[in-house]
């Protein structure tokens, strides 16, 4: 029996938290479960956009394996944007130096799935850090 209570609407904060948890644990399994089959991922540092859950899964799994194998550590922290898309939940990503944010991740959700997420330069979004590193 389905009722309105059974239907969950995913928020940008839910998506941001799941992404931060995935990176803080170097395990993207639960984050990937939230992706729509036709989800998109884009990065200002990567030429081609990834256009489906399988491609995104392969990409994230490989990136996390590289960090696990001794590459520079990543520190994802919940944040908010103050410019561009002001007031949106995001993830501030520091790499190597926890005090220097090198990227911000924004999420687009629809229903109970993440439809899109974008890795951007934090300066464009005016990222406000929260000090929260969910795990």
Protein backbone atom coordinates (compact mmCIF):
# COMPACT_ATOMS: atom_id res chain seq x y z
CA UNK A 1 0.00 0.00 0.00
CA UNK A 2 1.50 3.29 -1.08
CA UNK A 3 0.62 6.43 0.74
CA UNK A 4 1.94 9.96 0.67
CA UNK A 5 4.07 9.06 3.70
CA UNK A 6 5.87 6.39 1.66
CA UNK A 7 6.91 8.87 -1.02
CA UNK A 8 10.10 10.65 -0.14
CA UNK A 9 11.24 13.80 -1.86
CA UNK A 10 14.99 14.15 -2.02
CA UNK A 11 16.36 17.60 -1.20
CA UNK A 12 19.57 19.28 -2.34
CA UNK A 13 20.79 18.94 1.25
CA UNK A 14 20.12 15.18 1.14
CA UNK A 15 22.09 14.93 -2.11
CA UNK A 16 24.95 17.05 -0.75
CA UNK A 17 25.08 14.99 2.44
CA UNK A 18 25.12 11.70 0.52
CA UNK A 19 27.95 12.96 -1.71
CA UNK A 20 30.01 14.16 1.27
CA UNK A 21 29.43 10.87 3.11
CA UNK A 22 30.51 8.95 0.01
CA UNK A 23 33.79 10.86 -0.23
CA UNK A 24 34.44 10.88 3.51
CA UNK A 25 34.10 7.07 3.49
CA UNK A 26 35.55 6.57 -0.02
CA UNK A 27 32.49 4.47 -0.84
CA UNK A 28 30.01 5.79 -3.40
CA UNK A 29 27.53 2.88 -3.20
CA UNK A 30 24.74 4.72 -1.35
CA UNK A 31 25.25 7.93 -3.33
CA UNK A 32 24.94 6.03 -6.61
CA UNK A 33 21.61 4.57 -5.44
CA UNK A 34 20.22 8.11 -5.41
CA UNK A 35 21.15 8.84 -9.02
CA UNK A 36 18.53 8.78 -11.74
CA UNK A 37 19.41 6.29 -14.50
CA UNK A 38 19.95 9.22 -16.89
CA UNK A 39 21.77 11.42 -14.36
CA UNK A 40 24.38 13.87 -15.62
CA UNK A 41 27.69 14.90 -14.09
CA UNK A 42 29.76 17.81 -15.31
CA UNK A 43 33.00 19.34 -14.12
CA UNK A 44 34.60 22.60 -15.18
CA UNK A 45 37.88 20.66 -15.23
CA UNK A 46 36.70 17.78 -17.44
CA UNK A 47 35.88 18.23 -21.13
CA UNK A 48 33.06 15.71 -21.49
CA UNK A 49 29.91 15.51 -19.42
CA UNK A 50 29.01 12.06 -18.06
CA UNK A 51 25.46 11.24 -19.11
CA UNK A 52 24.29 8.14 -17.26
CA UNK A 53 24.51 6.31 -13.96
CA UNK A 54 26.92 3.64 -15.26
CA UNK A 55 29.45 6.18 -16.56
CA UNK A 56 29.20 8.20 -13.32
CA UNK A 57 29.61 5.03 -11.24
CA UNK A 58 32.74 4.02 -13.12
CA UNK A 59 34.19 7.52 -12.82
CA UNK A 60 33.51 7.97 -9.09
CA UNK A 61 34.65 4.45 -8.22
CA UNK A 62 37.94 5.07 -10.03
CA UNK A 63 38.48 8.45 -8.38
CA UNK A 64 37.82 7.06 -4.93
CA UNK A 65 40.15 4.12 -5.58
CA UNK A 66 42.91 6.57 -6.54
CA UNK A 67 42.45 8.46 -3.26
CA UNK A 68 42.40 5.15 -1.35
CA UNK A 69 45.68 4.20 -3.07
CA UNK A 70 47.48 7.18 -1.62
CA UNK A 71 46.63 10.10 -3.84
CA UNK A 72 45.94 13.44 -2.24
CA UNK A 73 43.17 13.18 0.41
CA UNK A 74 39.82 14.84 -0.19
CA UNK A 75 37.82 16.71 2.48
CA UNK A 76 34.15 17.22 1.49
CA UNK A 77 32.22 19.58 3.72
CA UNK A 78 28.61 20.75 3.62
CA UNK A 79 28.19 24.35 2.55
CA UNK A 80 25.88 27.00 1.12
CA UNK A 81 26.27 29.23 -1.88
CA UNK A 82 26.22 33.01 -1.48
CA UNK A 83 26.74 34.06 -5.10
CA UNK A 84 25.60 32.83 -8.49
CA UNK A 85 23.04 30.34 -7.21
CA UNK A 86 22.77 31.98 -3.77
CA UNK A 87 21.31 30.04 -0.86
CA UNK A 88 21.70 26.56 -2.31
CA UNK A 89 23.10 23.58 -0.43
CA UNK A 90 26.39 22.35 -1.83
CA UNK A 91 29.55 20.48 -0.96
CA UNK A 92 32.79 22.41 -0.52
CA UNK A 93 35.69 20.18 -1.52
CA UNK A 94 39.21 20.67 -0.20
CA UNK A 95 41.97 18.47 -1.53
CA UNK A 96 45.28 18.02 0.23
CA UNK A 97 44.91 21.10 2.46
CA UNK A 98 41.66 20.98 4.44
CA UNK A 99 41.69 24.78 4.72
CA UNK A 100 41.66 25.50 0.98
CA UNK A 101 38.43 24.79 -0.92
CA UNK A 102 39.28 23.81 -4.47
CA UNK A 103 35.80 22.98 -5.79
CA UNK A 104 32.11 23.15 -5.01
CA UNK A 105 29.47 20.62 -6.00
CA UNK A 106 25.87 21.62 -6.76
CA UNK A 107 22.98 19.19 -7.10
CA UNK A 108 19.74 19.14 -9.05
CA UNK A 109 17.12 16.78 -7.65
CA UNK A 110 13.81 15.58 -8.99
CA UNK A 111 11.46 13.45 -6.91
CA UNK A 112 13.66 10.98 -5.05
CA UNK A 113 16.63 11.07 -7.46
CA UNK A 114 19.63 13.20 -8.24
CA UNK A 115 19.23 14.29 -11.86
CA UNK A 116 22.46 16.24 -12.15
CA UNK A 117 25.49 17.35 -10.20
CA UNK A 118 28.18 19.80 -11.20
CA UNK A 119 31.70 20.38 -9.92
CA UNK A 120 32.45 24.11 -10.12
CA UNK A 121 35.03 26.68 -9.11
CA UNK A 122 34.07 27.73 -5.57
CA UNK A 123 34.74 31.40 -6.32
CA UNK A 124 31.80 31.46 -8.76
CA UNK A 125 29.41 30.33 -6.05
CA UNK A 126 30.73 32.16 -3.00
CA UNK A 127 30.81 28.98 -0.94
CA UNK A 128 30.16 29.39 2.77
CA UNK A 129 31.66 26.49 4.70
CA UNK A 130 29.77 24.83 7.58
CA UNK A 131 32.52 22.87 9.33
CA UNK A 132 30.35 19.73 8.92
CA UNK A 133 32.04 16.68 7.38
CA UNK A 134 29.29 14.04 7.42
CA UNK A 135 30.35 10.44 7.58
